[in-house]
Amino acid sequence: MQRSKPGEHHSMASVGQCALAEEQLRVLEENFTKVTKHPDQVTLVLIAAEAGLTEEETAKWFRMRNAQWRQAEGLPAELGSVKD
């Protein structure tokens, strides 16, 4: 795996054992930052279709990305009483 340069953001570059393409990551990150951190079922289906991933892969990516985001914000890794 390549080392990231300061300022580069290569978060969640894979789902399970499957590496994601740059365009898939762009779609996922864009939806995470601009649309929602917690997509409902309909939104999840639309994001999965746009990224060319399964709903399960997309849901897993969002779970992992949310944990990473919460950790960066100094919040518990698991969603609890704090609403993000």
PDB file of N, CA and C in Angstrom:
ATOM      1  N   MET A   1       0.844  -1.183   0.000  1.00  0.00           N
ATOM      2  CA  MET A   1       0.000   0.000   0.000  1.00  0.00           C
ATOM      3  C   MET A   1       0.885   1.240   0.000  1.00  0.00           C
ATOM      4  N   GLN A   2       0.545   2.218  -0.800  1.00  0.00           N
ATOM      5  CA  GLN A   2       1.321   3.440  -0.883  1.00  0.00           C
ATOM      6  C   GLN A   2       1.098   4.285   0.347  1.00  0.00           C
ATOM      7  N   ARG A   3       2.135   5.029   0.736  1.00  0.00           N
ATOM      8  CA  ARG A   3       2.010   5.938   1.859  1.00  0.00           C
ATOM      9  C   ARG A   3       1.310   7.209   1.397  1.00  0.00           C
ATOM     10  N   SER A   4       0.464   7.732   2.248  1.00  0.00           N
ATOM     11  CA  SER A   4      -0.245   8.967   1.927  1.00  0.00           C
ATOM     12  C   SER A   4       0.639  10.161   2.222  1.00  0.00           C
ATOM     13  N   LYS A   5       0.530  11.154   1.380  1.00  0.00           N
ATOM     14  CA  LYS A   5       1.206  12.416   1.625  1.00  0.00           C
ATOM     15  C   LYS A   5       0.318  13.237   2.535  1.00  0.00           C
ATOM     16  N   PRO A   6       0.903  14.150   3.314  1.00  0.00           N
ATOM     17  CA  PRO A   6       0.067  14.997   4.165  1.00  0.00           C
ATOM     18  C   PRO A   6      -0.993  15.715   3.330  1.00  0.00           C
ATOM     19  N   GLY A   7      -2.199  15.711   3.838  1.00  0.00           N
ATOM     20  CA  GLY A   7      -3.287  16.369   3.127  1.00  0.00           C
ATOM     21  C   GLY A   7      -4.047  15.458   2.188  1.00  0.00           C
ATOM     22  N   GLU A   8      -3.448  14.317   1.814  1.00  0.00           N
ATOM     23  CA  GLU A   8      -4.149  13.379   0.940  1.00  0.00           C
ATOM     24  C   GLU A   8      -5.132  12.573   1.771  1.00  0.00           C
ATOM     25  N   HIS A   9      -6.223  12.185   1.144  1.00  0.00           N
ATOM     26  CA  HIS A   9      -7.266  11.459   1.861  1.00  0.00           C
ATOM     27  C   HIS A   9      -7.557  10.165   1.124  1.00  0.00           C
ATOM     28  N   HIS A  10      -7.027   9.059   1.643  1.00  0.00           N
ATOM     29  CA  HIS A  10      -7.238   7.754   1.013  1.00  0.00           C
ATOM     30  C   HIS A  10      -8.044   6.857   1.923  1.00  0.00           C
ATOM     31  N   SER A  11      -9.039   7.422   2.619  1.00  0.00           N
ATOM     32  CA  SER A  11      -9.788   6.643   3.582  1.00  0.00           C
ATOM     33  C   SER A  11     -10.648   5.583   2.914  1.00  0.00           C
ATOM     34  N   MET A  12     -10.733   4.470   3.562  1.00  0.00           N
ATOM     35  CA  MET A  12     -11.644   3.409   3.182  1.00  0.00           C
ATOM     36  C   MET A  12     -11.486   3.027   1.711  1.00  0.00           C
ATOM     37  N   ALA A  13     -10.265   2.787   1.309  1.00  0.00           N
ATOM     38  CA  ALA A  13      -9.984   2.467  -0.082  1.00  0.00           C
ATOM     39  C   ALA A  13     -10.403   1.053  -0.453  1.00  0.00           C
ATOM     40  N   SER A  14     -10.861   0.285   0.513  1.00  0.00           N
ATOM     41  CA  SER A  14     -11.328  -1.060   0.197  1.00  0.00           C
ATOM     42  C   SER A  14     -12.520  -1.412   1.061  1.00  0.00           C
ATOM     43  N   VAL A  15     -13.309  -2.314   0.563  1.00  0.00           N
ATOM     44  CA  VAL A  15     -14.435  -2.862   1.317  1.00  0.00           C
ATOM     45  C   VAL A  15     -14.143  -4.338   1.438  1.00  0.00           C
ATOM     46  N   GLY A  16     -13.870  -4.791   2.659  1.00  0.00           N
ATOM     47  CA  GLY A  16     -13.468  -6.184   2.832  1.00  0.00           C
ATOM     48  C   GLY A  16     -12.155  -6.409   2.117  1.00  0.00           C
ATOM     49  N   GLN A  17     -12.114  -7.363   1.226  1.00  0.00           N
ATOM     50  CA  GLN A  17     -10.901  -7.667   0.477  1.00  0.00           C
ATOM     51  C   GLN A  17     -10.890  -7.022  -0.905  1.00  0.00           C
ATOM     52  N   CYS A  18     -11.943  -6.309  -1.250  1.00  0.00           N
ATOM     53  CA  CYS A  18     -12.098  -5.753  -2.589  1.00  0.00           C
ATOM     54  C   CYS A  18     -11.631  -4.298  -2.625  1.00  0.00           C
ATOM     55  N   ALA A  19     -10.613  -4.007  -3.428  1.00  0.00           N
ATOM     56  CA  ALA A  19     -10.135  -2.639  -3.575  1.00  0.00           C
ATOM     57  C   ALA A  19     -11.121  -1.851  -4.434  1.00  0.00           C
ATOM     58  N   LEU A  20     -11.346  -0.614  -4.053  1.00  0.00           N
ATOM     59  CA  LEU A  20     -12.283   0.230  -4.782  1.00  0.00           C
ATOM     60  C   LEU A  20     -11.538   1.094  -5.792  1.00  0.00           C
ATOM     61  N   ALA A  21     -12.185   1.335  -6.902  1.00  0.00           N
ATOM     62  CA  ALA A  21     -11.628   2.206  -7.931  1.00  0.00           C
ATOM     63  C   ALA A  21     -11.733   3.656  -7.461  1.00  0.00           C
ATOM     64  N   GLU A  22     -10.889   4.504  -8.010  1.00  0.00           N
ATOM     65  CA  GLU A  22     -10.876   5.917  -7.657  1.00  0.00           C
ATOM     66  C   GLU A  22     -12.253   6.564  -7.831  1.00  0.00           C
ATOM     67  N   GLU A  23     -12.942   6.226  -8.914  1.00  0.00           N
ATOM     68  CA  GLU A  23     -14.265   6.798  -9.171  1.00  0.00           C
ATOM     69  C   GLU A  23     -15.279   6.322  -8.119  1.00  0.00           C
ATOM     70  N   GLN A  24     -15.184   5.060  -7.702  1.00  0.00           N
ATOM     71  CA  GLN A  24     -16.088   4.553  -6.672  1.00  0.00           C
ATOM     72  C   GLN A  24     -15.861   5.296  -5.354  1.00  0.00           C
ATOM     73  N   LEU A  25     -14.601   5.481  -5.002  1.00  0.00           N
ATOM     74  CA  LEU A  25     -14.288   6.230  -3.784  1.00  0.00           C
ATOM     75  C   LEU A  25     -14.789   7.659  -3.864  1.00  0.00           C
ATOM     76  N   ARG A  26     -14.658   8.275  -5.028  1.00  0.00           N
ATOM     77  CA  ARG A  26     -15.121   9.647  -5.205  1.00  0.00           C
ATOM     78  C   ARG A  26     -16.625   9.729  -4.956  1.00  0.00           C
ATOM     79  N   VAL A  27     -17.373   8.785  -5.528  1.00  0.00           N
ATOM     80  CA  VAL A  27     -18.827   8.758  -5.366  1.00  0.00           C
ATOM     81  C   VAL A  27     -19.189   8.556  -3.892  1.00  0.00           C
ATOM     82  N   LEU A  28     -18.544   7.609  -3.228  1.00  0.00           N
ATOM     83  CA  LEU A  28     -18.841   7.331  -1.828  1.00  0.00           C
ATOM     84  C   LEU A  28     -18.513   8.527  -0.939  1.00  0.00           C
ATOM     85  N   GLU A  29     -17.315   9.074  -1.095  1.00  0.00           N
ATOM     86  CA  GLU A  29     -16.899  10.221  -0.273  1.00  0.00           C
ATOM     87  C   GLU A  29     -17.784  11.440  -0.515  1.00  0.00           C
ATOM     88  N   GLU A  30     -18.134  11.674  -1.771  1.00  0.00           N
ATOM     89  CA  GLU A  30     -18.986  12.822  -2.095  1.00  0.00           C
ATOM     90  C   GLU A  30     -20.344  12.685  -1.419  1.00  0.00           C
ATOM     91  N   ASN A  31     -20.921  11.502  -1.469  1.00  0.00           N
ATOM     92  CA  ASN A  31     -22.207  11.279  -0.810  1.00  0.00           C
ATOM     93  C   ASN A  31     -22.083  11.376   0.704  1.00  0.00           C
ATOM     94  N   PHE A  32     -20.974  10.885   1.252  1.00  0.00           N
ATOM     95  CA  PHE A  32     -20.754  10.942   2.695  1.00  0.00           C
ATOM     96  C   PHE A  32     -20.659  12.388   3.176  1.00  0.00           C
ATOM     97  N   THR A  33     -19.931  13.214   2.446  1.00  0.00           N
ATOM     98  CA  THR A  33     -19.715  14.592   2.897  1.00  0.00           C
ATOM     99  C   THR A  33     -20.839  15.545   2.500  1.00  0.00           C
ATOM    100  N   LYS A  34     -21.466  15.329   1.351  1.00  0.00           N
ATOM    101  CA  LYS A  34     -22.451  16.292   0.851  1.00  0.00           C
ATOM    102  C   LYS A  34     -23.907  15.873   1.030  1.00  0.00           C
ATOM    103  N   VAL A  35     -24.155  14.555   1.154  1.00  0.00           N
ATOM    104  CA  VAL A  35     -25.539  14.083   1.212  1.00  0.00           C
ATOM    105  C   VAL A  35     -25.889  13.627   2.627  1.00  0.00           C
ATOM    106  N   THR A  36     -25.271  12.549   3.084  1.00  0.00           N
ATOM    107  CA  THR A  36     -25.586  12.030   4.420  1.00  0.00           C
ATOM    108  C   THR A  36     -24.517  11.071   4.897  1.00  0.00           C
ATOM    109  N   LYS A  37     -24.289  11.080   6.197  1.00  0.00           N
ATOM    110  CA  LYS A  37     -23.380  10.109   6.801  1.00  0.00           C
ATOM    111  C   LYS A  37     -24.132   8.818   7.142  1.00  0.00           C
ATOM    112  N   HIS A  38     -25.464   8.915   7.160  1.00  0.00           N
ATOM    113  CA  HIS A  38     -26.298   7.766   7.521  1.00  0.00           C
ATOM    114  C   HIS A  38     -27.409   7.593   6.484  1.00  0.00           C
ATOM    115  N   PRO A  39     -27.090   7.011   5.319  1.00  0.00           N
ATOM    116  CA  PRO A  39     -28.114   6.882   4.277  1.00  0.00           C
ATOM    117  C   PRO A  39     -29.220   5.906   4.662  1.00  0.00           C
ATOM    118  N   ASP A  40     -30.452   6.285   4.325  1.00  0.00           N
ATOM    119  CA  ASP A  40     -31.564   5.353   4.514  1.00  0.00           C
ATOM    120  C   ASP A  40     -31.488   4.309   3.399  1.00  0.00           C
ATOM    121  N   GLN A  41     -32.395   3.346   3.422  1.00  0.00           N
ATOM    122  CA  GLN A  41     -32.327   2.228   2.473  1.00  0.00           C
ATOM    123  C   GLN A  41     -32.405   2.691   1.023  1.00  0.00           C
ATOM    124  N   VAL A  42     -33.296   3.618   0.719  1.00  0.00           N
ATOM    125  CA  VAL A  42     -33.451   4.100  -0.659  1.00  0.00           C
ATOM    126  C   VAL A  42     -32.181   4.827  -1.113  1.00  0.00           C
ATOM    127  N   THR A  43     -31.659   5.700  -0.253  1.00  0.00           N
ATOM    128  CA  THR A  43     -30.443   6.434  -0.584  1.00  0.00           C
ATOM    129  C   THR A  43     -29.273   5.484  -0.754  1.00  0.00           C
ATOM    130  N   LEU A  44     -29.194   4.470   0.102  1.00  0.00           N
ATOM    131  CA  LEU A  44     -28.129   3.477   0.014  1.00  0.00           C
ATOM    132  C   LEU A  44     -28.166   2.748  -1.330  1.00  0.00           C
ATOM    133  N   VAL A  45     -29.355   2.382  -1.777  1.00  0.00           N
ATOM    134  CA  VAL A  45     -29.511   1.706  -3.067  1.00  0.00           C
ATOM    135  C   VAL A  45     -29.032   2.617  -4.200  1.00  0.00           C
ATOM    136  N   LEU A  46     -29.411   3.884  -4.137  1.00  0.00           N
ATOM    137  CA  LEU A  46     -29.004   4.830  -5.186  1.00  0.00           C
ATOM    138  C   LEU A  46     -27.492   5.048  -5.203  1.00  0.00           C
ATOM    139  N   ILE A  47     -26.889   5.183  -4.020  1.00  0.00           N
ATOM    140  CA  ILE A  47     -25.438   5.364  -3.943  1.00  0.00           C
ATOM    141  C   ILE A  47     -24.727   4.120  -4.459  1.00  0.00           C
ATOM    142  N   ALA A  48     -25.212   2.938  -4.062  1.00  0.00           N
ATOM    143  CA  ALA A  48     -24.606   1.679  -4.515  1.00  0.00           C
ATOM    144  C   ALA A  48     -24.653   1.579  -6.038  1.00  0.00           C
ATOM    145  N   ALA A  49     -25.796   1.930  -6.622  1.00  0.00           N
ATOM    146  CA  ALA A  49     -25.927   1.874  -8.084  1.00  0.00           C
ATOM    147  C   ALA A  49     -24.979   2.860  -8.752  1.00  0.00           C
ATOM    148  N   GLU A  50     -24.881   4.062  -8.201  1.00  0.00           N
ATOM    149  CA  GLU A  50     -23.995   5.075  -8.778  1.00  0.00           C
ATOM    150  C   GLU A  50     -22.524   4.653  -8.699  1.00  0.00           C
ATOM    151  N   ALA A  51     -22.167   3.987  -7.599  1.00  0.00           N
ATOM    152  CA  ALA A  51     -20.775   3.566  -7.397  1.00  0.00           C
ATOM    153  C   ALA A  51     -20.463   2.224  -8.048  1.00  0.00           C
ATOM    154  N   GLY A  52     -21.493   1.502  -8.479  1.00  0.00           N
ATOM    155  CA  GLY A  52     -21.264   0.184  -9.068  1.00  0.00           C
ATOM    156  C   GLY A  52     -20.903  -0.857  -8.025  1.00  0.00           C
ATOM    157  N   LEU A  53     -21.470  -0.716  -6.821  1.00  0.00           N
ATOM    158  CA  LEU A  53     -21.218  -1.647  -5.731  1.00  0.00           C
ATOM    159  C   LEU A  53     -22.533  -2.287  -5.297  1.00  0.00           C
ATOM    160  N   THR A  54     -22.433  -3.339  -4.502  1.00  0.00           N
ATOM    161  CA  THR A  54     -23.644  -3.934  -3.939  1.00  0.00           C
ATOM    162  C   THR A  54     -24.104  -3.070  -2.765  1.00  0.00           C
ATOM    163  N   GLU A  55     -25.345  -3.251  -2.362  1.00  0.00           N
ATOM    164  CA  GLU A  55     -25.862  -2.534  -1.190  1.00  0.00           C
ATOM    165  C   GLU A  55     -25.055  -2.905   0.049  1.00  0.00           C
ATOM    166  N   GLU A  56     -24.692  -4.177   0.167  1.00  0.00           N
ATOM    167  CA  GLU A  56     -23.930  -4.635   1.323  1.00  0.00           C
ATOM    168  C   GLU A  56     -22.555  -3.982   1.370  1.00  0.00           C
ATOM    169  N   GLU A  57     -21.869  -3.921   0.226  1.00  0.00           N
ATOM    170  CA  GLU A  57     -20.553  -3.274   0.176  1.00  0.00           C
ATOM    171  C   GLU A  57     -20.660  -1.791   0.532  1.00  0.00           C
ATOM    172  N   THR A  58     -21.694  -1.153   0.023  1.00  0.00           N
ATOM    173  CA  THR A  58     -21.898   0.271   0.285  1.00  0.00           C
ATOM    174  C   THR A  58     -22.217   0.513   1.753  1.00  0.00           C
ATOM    175  N   ALA A  59     -23.092  -0.308   2.328  1.00  0.00           N
ATOM    176  CA  ALA A  59     -23.439  -0.174   3.747  1.00  0.00           C
ATOM    177  C   ALA A  59     -22.206  -0.389   4.618  1.00  0.00           C
ATOM    178  N   LYS A  60     -21.386  -1.365   4.275  1.00  0.00           N
ATOM    179  CA  LYS A  60     -20.165  -1.637   5.041  1.00  0.00           C
ATOM    180  C   LYS A  60     -19.216  -0.453   4.952  1.00  0.00           C
ATOM    181  N   TRP A  61     -19.056   0.106   3.760  1.00  0.00           N
ATOM    182  CA  TRP A  61     -18.181   1.262   3.593  1.00  0.00           C
ATOM    183  C   TRP A  61     -18.652   2.413   4.475  1.00  0.00           C
ATOM    184  N   PHE A  62     -19.963   2.678   4.479  1.00  0.00           N
ATOM    185  CA  PHE A  62     -20.502   3.769   5.307  1.00  0.00           C
ATOM    186  C   PHE A  62     -20.288   3.492   6.793  1.00  0.00           C
ATOM    187  N   ARG A  63     -20.469   2.240   7.238  1.00  0.00           N
ATOM    188  CA  ARG A  63     -20.225   1.912   8.651  1.00  0.00           C
ATOM    189  C   ARG A  63     -18.765   2.181   9.021  1.00  0.00           C
ATOM    190  N   MET A  64     -17.854   1.717   8.182  1.00  0.00           N
ATOM    191  CA  MET A  64     -16.434   1.888   8.453  1.00  0.00           C
ATOM    192  C   MET A  64     -16.031   3.359   8.360  1.00  0.00           C
ATOM    193  N   ARG A  65     -16.563   4.061   7.388  1.00  0.00           N
ATOM    194  CA  ARG A  65     -16.232   5.476   7.208  1.00  0.00           C
ATOM    195  C   ARG A  65     -16.783   6.310   8.356  1.00  0.00           C
ATOM    196  N   ASN A  66     -17.969   5.975   8.859  1.00  0.00           N
ATOM    197  CA  ASN A  66     -18.533   6.663  10.009  1.00  0.00           C
ATOM    198  C   ASN A  66     -17.678   6.456  11.252  1.00  0.00           C
ATOM    199  N   ALA A  67     -17.202   5.240  11.475  1.00  0.00           N
ATOM    200  CA  ALA A  67     -16.335   4.963  12.619  1.00  0.00           C
ATOM    201  C   ALA A  67     -15.061   5.791  12.513  1.00  0.00           C
ATOM    202  N   GLN A  68     -14.502   5.864  11.305  1.00  0.00           N
ATOM    203  CA  GLN A  68     -13.292   6.653  11.083  1.00  0.00           C
ATOM    204  C   GLN A  68     -13.565   8.140  11.339  1.00  0.00           C
ATOM    205  N   TRP A  69     -14.694   8.624  10.865  1.00  0.00           N
ATOM    206  CA  TRP A  69     -15.057  10.028  11.056  1.00  0.00           C
ATOM    207  C   TRP A  69     -15.242  10.344  12.541  1.00  0.00           C
ATOM    208  N   ARG A  70     -15.955   9.460  13.254  1.00  0.00           N
ATOM    209  CA  ARG A  70     -16.180   9.684  14.681  1.00  0.00           C
ATOM    210  C   ARG A  70     -14.866   9.701  15.446  1.00  0.00           C
ATOM    211  N   GLN A  71     -13.950   8.794  15.095  1.00  0.00           N
ATOM    212  CA  GLN A  71     -12.652   8.746  15.764  1.00  0.00           C
ATOM    213  C   GLN A  71     -11.880  10.041  15.513  1.00  0.00           C
ATOM    214  N   ALA A  72     -11.912  10.531  14.287  1.00  0.00           N
ATOM    215  CA  ALA A  72     -11.227  11.782  13.949  1.00  0.00           C
ATOM    216  C   ALA A  72     -11.829  12.965  14.711  1.00  0.00           C
ATOM    217  N   GLU A  73     -13.119  12.893  15.019  1.00  0.00           N
ATOM    218  CA  GLU A  73     -13.814  13.956  15.752  1.00  0.00           C
ATOM    219  C   GLU A  73     -13.686  13.789  17.266  1.00  0.00           C
ATOM    220  N   GLY A  74     -13.008  12.725  17.700  1.00  0.00           N
ATOM    221  CA  GLY A  74     -12.856  12.471  19.127  1.00  0.00           C
ATOM    222  C   GLY A  74     -14.094  11.889  19.767  1.00  0.00           C
ATOM    223  N   LEU A  75     -14.945  11.276  18.970  1.00  0.00           N
ATOM    224  CA  LEU A  75     -16.176  10.654  19.453  1.00  0.00           C
ATOM    225  C   LEU A  75     -15.975   9.147  19.560  1.00  0.00           C
ATOM    226  N   PRO A  76     -16.846   8.458  20.292  1.00  0.00           N
ATOM    227  CA  PRO A  76     -16.741   6.989  20.350  1.00  0.00           C
ATOM    228  C   PRO A  76     -16.862   6.393  18.948  1.00  0.00           C
ATOM    229  N   ALA A  77     -16.152   5.304  18.697  1.00  0.00           N
ATOM    230  CA  ALA A  77     -16.174   4.664  17.370  1.00  0.00           C
ATOM    231  C   ALA A  77     -17.560   4.158  17.001  1.00  0.00           C
ATOM    232  N   GLU A  78     -18.347   3.775  17.995  1.00  0.00           N
ATOM    233  CA  GLU A  78     -19.706   3.292  17.747  1.00  0.00           C
ATOM    234  C   GLU A  78     -20.693   4.404  18.035  1.00  0.00           C
ATOM    235  N   LEU A  79     -21.723   4.475  17.226  1.00  0.00           N
ATOM    236  CA  LEU A  79     -22.767   5.467  17.423  1.00  0.00           C
ATOM    237  C   LEU A  79     -23.493   5.192  18.725  1.00  0.00           C
ATOM    238  N   GLY A  80     -23.541   6.175  19.589  1.00  0.00           N
ATOM    239  CA  GLY A  80     -24.223   6.013  20.876  1.00  0.00           C
ATOM    240  C   GLY A  80     -25.196   7.149  21.088  1.00  0.00           C
ATOM    241  N   SER A  81     -25.065   7.812  22.222  1.00  0.00           N
ATOM    242  CA  SER A  81     -25.989   8.882  22.557  1.00  0.00           C
ATOM    243  C   SER A  81     -25.656  10.180  21.835  1.00  0.00           C
ATOM    244  N   VAL A  82     -24.434  10.277  21.318  1.00  0.00           N
ATOM    245  CA  VAL A  82     -24.042  11.473  20.581  1.00  0.00           C
ATOM    246  C   VAL A  82     -24.512  11.337  19.149  1.00  0.00           C
ATOM    247  N   LYS A  83     -25.259  12.298  18.682  1.00  0.00           N
ATOM    248  CA  LYS A  83     -25.776  12.252  17.306  1.00  0.00           C
ATOM    249  C   LYS A  83     -24.799  12.963  16.384  1.00  0.00           C
ATOM    250  N   ASP A  84     -24.311  12.272  15.376  1.00  0.00           N
ATOM    251  CA  ASP A  84     -23.429  12.920  14.423  1.00  0.00           C
ATOM    252  C   ASP A  84     -24.210  13.108  13.184  1.00  0.00           C
TER     253      ASP A  84
END
